[in-house]
């Protein structure tokens, strides 16, 4: 399952929103970059994005953990471990 240890950021966000609507036309999302998630094995449950803070929040179902990824620095800011199969995630700016 090492293939899941690299997070295709734009593709995962694309799964959430499907495509981008620009000037009334749908434009498919393309892979911009990948960010390695060292130490992750198994499935990723869900993701959420903090656009203003440029962070991606990743529930790592198979790893029993949750990552906060800095999209600008392309690295993990923090990992919370010891969770039991985290599957849902939401970001509330307030």
N, C-alpha and C. Protein backbone atom coordinates (compact mmCIF):
# COMPACT_ATOMS: atom_id res chain seq x y z
N UNK A 1 0.81 -1.20 0.00
CA UNK A 1 0.00 0.00 0.00
C UNK A 1 0.86 1.26 0.00
N UNK A 2 2.10 1.17 -0.35
CA UNK A 2 3.00 2.32 -0.37
C UNK A 2 2.53 3.40 -1.34
N UNK A 3 1.76 3.03 -2.35
CA UNK A 3 1.29 4.00 -3.34
C UNK A 3 0.43 5.09 -2.69
N UNK A 4 -0.24 4.78 -1.60
CA UNK A 4 -1.08 5.78 -0.93
C UNK A 4 -0.26 6.73 -0.06
N UNK A 5 1.03 6.49 0.07
CA UNK A 5 1.85 7.35 0.90
C UNK A 5 2.21 8.65 0.21
N UNK A 6 1.84 8.82 -1.04
CA UNK A 6 2.01 10.09 -1.75
C UNK A 6 0.64 10.62 -2.07
N UNK A 7 0.39 11.83 -1.66
CA UNK A 7 -0.94 12.40 -1.78
C UNK A 7 -1.06 13.27 -3.02
N UNK A 8 -1.79 12.84 -4.02
CA UNK A 8 -2.01 13.71 -5.18
C UNK A 8 -3.04 14.77 -4.82
N UNK A 9 -2.55 15.90 -4.38
CA UNK A 9 -3.38 16.95 -3.79
C UNK A 9 -4.51 17.39 -4.70
N UNK A 10 -4.21 17.78 -5.90
CA UNK A 10 -5.25 18.30 -6.77
C UNK A 10 -6.25 17.23 -7.16
N UNK A 11 -5.80 16.01 -7.34
CA UNK A 11 -6.71 14.93 -7.69
C UNK A 11 -7.69 14.67 -6.54
N UNK A 12 -7.21 14.65 -5.31
CA UNK A 12 -8.11 14.42 -4.18
C UNK A 12 -9.10 15.56 -4.01
N UNK A 13 -8.64 16.78 -4.18
CA UNK A 13 -9.56 17.91 -4.10
C UNK A 13 -10.56 17.80 -5.24
N UNK A 14 -10.10 17.36 -6.40
CA UNK A 14 -10.98 17.17 -7.54
C UNK A 14 -12.07 16.15 -7.26
N UNK A 15 -11.76 15.13 -6.49
CA UNK A 15 -12.77 14.15 -6.12
C UNK A 15 -13.85 14.78 -5.27
N UNK A 16 -13.48 15.78 -4.49
CA UNK A 16 -14.46 16.46 -3.65
C UNK A 16 -15.37 17.37 -4.45
N UNK A 17 -14.81 18.09 -5.39
CA UNK A 17 -15.60 19.08 -6.12
C UNK A 17 -15.90 18.68 -7.56
N UNK A 18 -15.30 17.65 -8.07
CA UNK A 18 -15.57 17.16 -9.41
C UNK A 18 -14.82 17.89 -10.49
N UNK A 19 -15.09 19.16 -10.66
CA UNK A 19 -14.39 19.97 -11.65
C UNK A 19 -14.54 21.43 -11.25
N UNK A 20 -13.80 22.28 -11.90
CA UNK A 20 -13.84 23.70 -11.61
C UNK A 20 -14.67 24.38 -12.68
N UNK A 21 -15.57 25.28 -12.27
CA UNK A 21 -16.35 26.02 -13.23
C UNK A 21 -15.69 27.38 -13.40
N UNK A 22 -15.23 27.67 -14.62
CA UNK A 22 -14.58 28.93 -14.93
C UNK A 22 -15.33 29.60 -16.06
N UNK A 23 -15.84 30.79 -15.80
CA UNK A 23 -16.59 31.56 -16.81
C UNK A 23 -17.68 30.71 -17.46
N UNK A 24 -18.38 29.93 -16.64
CA UNK A 24 -19.50 29.14 -17.13
C UNK A 24 -19.14 27.82 -17.79
N UNK A 25 -17.85 27.53 -17.95
CA UNK A 25 -17.45 26.28 -18.58
C UNK A 25 -16.75 25.40 -17.55
N UNK A 26 -17.04 24.10 -17.61
CA UNK A 26 -16.37 23.16 -16.70
C UNK A 26 -14.97 22.88 -17.22
N UNK A 27 -14.00 23.00 -16.32
CA UNK A 27 -12.61 22.72 -16.66
C UNK A 27 -12.14 21.59 -15.76
N UNK A 28 -11.68 20.47 -16.32
CA UNK A 28 -11.23 19.37 -15.46
C UNK A 28 -9.99 19.77 -14.68
N UNK A 29 -9.90 19.25 -13.46
CA UNK A 29 -8.72 19.50 -12.64
C UNK A 29 -7.56 18.64 -13.12
N UNK A 30 -6.37 19.17 -12.99
CA UNK A 30 -5.17 18.42 -13.38
C UNK A 30 -4.26 18.29 -12.17
N UNK A 31 -3.43 17.27 -12.19
CA UNK A 31 -2.48 17.05 -11.11
C UNK A 31 -1.42 18.15 -11.15
N UNK A 32 -1.28 18.86 -10.05
CA UNK A 32 -0.32 19.95 -9.95
C UNK A 32 0.97 19.48 -9.31
N UNK A 33 0.85 18.67 -8.26
CA UNK A 33 2.01 18.17 -7.53
C UNK A 33 1.57 17.05 -6.60
N UNK A 34 2.53 16.35 -6.04
CA UNK A 34 2.26 15.34 -5.02
C UNK A 34 3.04 15.72 -3.76
N UNK A 35 2.49 15.35 -2.62
CA UNK A 35 3.14 15.63 -1.34
C UNK A 35 3.28 14.30 -0.60
N UNK A 36 4.51 13.88 -0.30
CA UNK A 36 4.70 12.61 0.41
C UNK A 36 4.13 12.66 1.83
N UNK A 37 3.45 11.60 2.22
CA UNK A 37 2.94 11.45 3.58
C UNK A 37 3.73 10.31 4.21
N UNK A 38 4.90 10.63 4.70
CA UNK A 38 5.77 9.62 5.30
C UNK A 38 5.10 8.94 6.48
N UNK A 39 5.28 7.65 6.55
CA UNK A 39 4.76 6.88 7.67
C UNK A 39 3.30 6.52 7.56
N UNK A 40 2.68 6.76 6.42
CA UNK A 40 1.26 6.44 6.24
C UNK A 40 1.14 5.13 5.48
N UNK A 41 0.28 4.26 5.97
CA UNK A 41 -0.02 3.02 5.27
C UNK A 41 -1.52 2.81 5.31
N UNK A 42 -2.04 2.11 4.35
CA UNK A 42 -3.47 1.86 4.33
C UNK A 42 -4.24 2.97 3.63
N UNK A 43 -5.55 2.94 3.81
CA UNK A 43 -6.44 3.86 3.10
C UNK A 43 -6.50 5.23 3.74
N UNK A 44 -6.81 6.21 2.90
CA UNK A 44 -7.14 7.55 3.37
C UNK A 44 -8.66 7.63 3.39
N UNK A 45 -9.23 8.07 4.52
CA UNK A 45 -10.68 8.13 4.66
C UNK A 45 -11.27 9.32 3.94
N UNK A 46 -11.04 10.51 4.42
CA UNK A 46 -11.60 11.72 3.85
C UNK A 46 -10.58 12.85 3.95
N UNK A 47 -10.80 13.90 3.19
CA UNK A 47 -9.97 15.09 3.25
C UNK A 47 -10.85 16.33 3.31
N UNK A 48 -10.31 17.39 3.86
CA UNK A 48 -10.95 18.71 3.85
C UNK A 48 -9.84 19.72 3.58
N UNK A 49 -10.22 20.90 3.11
CA UNK A 49 -9.21 21.89 2.77
C UNK A 49 -9.52 23.22 3.46
N UNK A 50 -8.47 23.86 3.93
CA UNK A 50 -8.52 25.22 4.49
C UNK A 50 -7.84 26.10 3.45
N UNK A 51 -8.63 26.72 2.59
CA UNK A 51 -8.08 27.52 1.49
C UNK A 51 -7.27 28.69 2.02
N UNK A 52 -7.81 29.44 2.96
CA UNK A 52 -7.12 30.63 3.49
C UNK A 52 -5.80 30.26 4.15
N UNK A 53 -5.78 29.19 4.92
CA UNK A 53 -4.57 28.77 5.62
C UNK A 53 -3.66 27.87 4.79
N UNK A 54 -4.09 27.54 3.58
CA UNK A 54 -3.34 26.67 2.68
C UNK A 54 -2.95 25.35 3.36
N UNK A 55 -3.96 24.72 3.97
CA UNK A 55 -3.73 23.45 4.66
C UNK A 55 -4.72 22.41 4.15
N UNK A 56 -4.27 21.18 4.10
CA UNK A 56 -5.12 20.05 3.76
C UNK A 56 -5.22 19.17 4.99
N UNK A 57 -6.42 18.76 5.34
CA UNK A 57 -6.67 17.92 6.51
C UNK A 57 -7.01 16.52 6.00
N UNK A 58 -6.27 15.53 6.47
CA UNK A 58 -6.36 14.18 5.92
C UNK A 58 -6.66 13.18 7.03
N UNK A 59 -7.79 12.48 6.91
CA UNK A 59 -8.12 11.39 7.84
C UNK A 59 -7.54 10.11 7.26
N UNK A 60 -6.59 9.52 7.96
CA UNK A 60 -5.88 8.34 7.48
C UNK A 60 -6.48 7.09 8.12
N UNK A 61 -7.50 6.58 7.50
CA UNK A 61 -8.27 5.45 8.01
C UNK A 61 -7.40 4.26 8.36
N UNK A 62 -6.56 3.85 7.44
CA UNK A 62 -5.73 2.66 7.65
C UNK A 62 -4.55 2.89 8.58
N UNK A 63 -4.26 4.13 8.87
CA UNK A 63 -3.11 4.48 9.71
C UNK A 63 -3.54 4.90 11.12
N UNK A 64 -4.86 4.97 11.34
CA UNK A 64 -5.42 5.41 12.63
C UNK A 64 -4.87 6.77 13.04
N UNK A 65 -4.76 7.68 12.05
CA UNK A 65 -4.21 9.00 12.34
C UNK A 65 -4.87 10.07 11.49
N UNK A 66 -4.52 11.31 11.78
CA UNK A 66 -5.06 12.49 11.12
C UNK A 66 -3.89 13.43 10.88
N UNK A 67 -3.71 13.89 9.64
CA UNK A 67 -2.62 14.80 9.30
C UNK A 67 -3.13 16.18 8.93
N UNK A 68 -2.35 17.18 9.29
CA UNK A 68 -2.54 18.55 8.80
C UNK A 68 -1.35 18.81 7.89
N UNK A 69 -1.63 19.02 6.60
CA UNK A 69 -0.59 19.18 5.59
C UNK A 69 -0.51 20.64 5.17
N UNK A 70 0.68 21.20 5.21
CA UNK A 70 0.93 22.57 4.74
C UNK A 70 1.12 22.50 3.23
N UNK A 71 0.16 23.04 2.48
CA UNK A 71 0.23 22.95 1.02
C UNK A 71 1.33 23.82 0.44
N UNK A 72 1.64 24.93 1.10
CA UNK A 72 2.68 25.82 0.59
C UNK A 72 4.07 25.20 0.80
N UNK A 73 4.33 24.68 1.99
CA UNK A 73 5.62 24.07 2.32
C UNK A 73 5.70 22.63 1.82
N UNK A 74 4.56 22.06 1.41
CA UNK A 74 4.47 20.68 0.95
C UNK A 74 5.01 19.69 1.97
N UNK A 75 4.55 19.86 3.21
CA UNK A 75 4.99 18.97 4.28
C UNK A 75 3.89 18.82 5.33
N UNK A 76 4.05 17.80 6.16
CA UNK A 76 3.10 17.56 7.25
C UNK A 76 3.42 18.52 8.39
N UNK A 77 2.41 19.30 8.81
CA UNK A 77 2.57 20.20 9.95
C UNK A 77 2.41 19.46 11.26
N UNK A 78 1.42 18.56 11.30
CA UNK A 78 1.12 17.86 12.55
C UNK A 78 0.40 16.56 12.23
N UNK A 79 0.64 15.57 13.05
CA UNK A 79 -0.07 14.29 12.93
C UNK A 79 -0.63 13.94 14.30
N UNK A 80 -1.91 13.57 14.32
CA UNK A 80 -2.56 13.11 15.54
C UNK A 80 -2.77 11.62 15.37
N UNK A 81 -2.15 10.83 16.22
CA UNK A 81 -2.24 9.38 16.13
C UNK A 81 -3.14 8.80 17.20
N UNK A 82 -3.28 7.49 17.17
CA UNK A 82 -4.06 6.80 18.19
C UNK A 82 -5.56 6.92 18.01
N UNK A 83 -6.00 7.32 16.84
CA UNK A 83 -7.44 7.41 16.57
C UNK A 83 -7.92 6.05 16.09
N UNK A 84 -9.20 5.82 16.16
CA UNK A 84 -9.74 4.53 15.73
C UNK A 84 -10.46 4.70 14.40
N UNK A 85 -9.77 4.35 13.32
CA UNK A 85 -10.30 4.41 11.96
C UNK A 85 -11.01 5.73 11.64
N UNK A 86 -10.29 6.86 11.69
CA UNK A 86 -10.93 8.14 11.38
C UNK A 86 -11.43 8.16 9.94
N UNK A 87 -12.70 8.49 9.74
CA UNK A 87 -13.28 8.44 8.40
C UNK A 87 -13.93 9.74 7.98
N UNK A 88 -14.37 10.56 8.87
CA UNK A 88 -15.01 11.81 8.51
C UNK A 88 -14.16 12.98 8.95
N UNK A 89 -14.24 14.05 8.18
CA UNK A 89 -13.45 15.22 8.53
C UNK A 89 -14.16 16.46 7.99
N UNK A 90 -14.12 17.52 8.75
CA UNK A 90 -14.70 18.80 8.32
C UNK A 90 -13.84 19.91 8.86
N UNK A 91 -13.76 20.98 8.11
CA UNK A 91 -13.01 22.18 8.56
C UNK A 91 -13.99 23.32 8.69
N UNK A 92 -14.02 23.96 9.86
CA UNK A 92 -14.87 25.11 10.12
C UNK A 92 -13.95 26.29 10.42
N UNK A 93 -13.89 27.29 9.56
CA UNK A 93 -12.94 28.41 9.71
C UNK A 93 -13.04 29.13 11.06
N UNK A 94 -14.22 29.22 11.63
CA UNK A 94 -14.38 29.92 12.91
C UNK A 94 -13.71 29.17 14.03
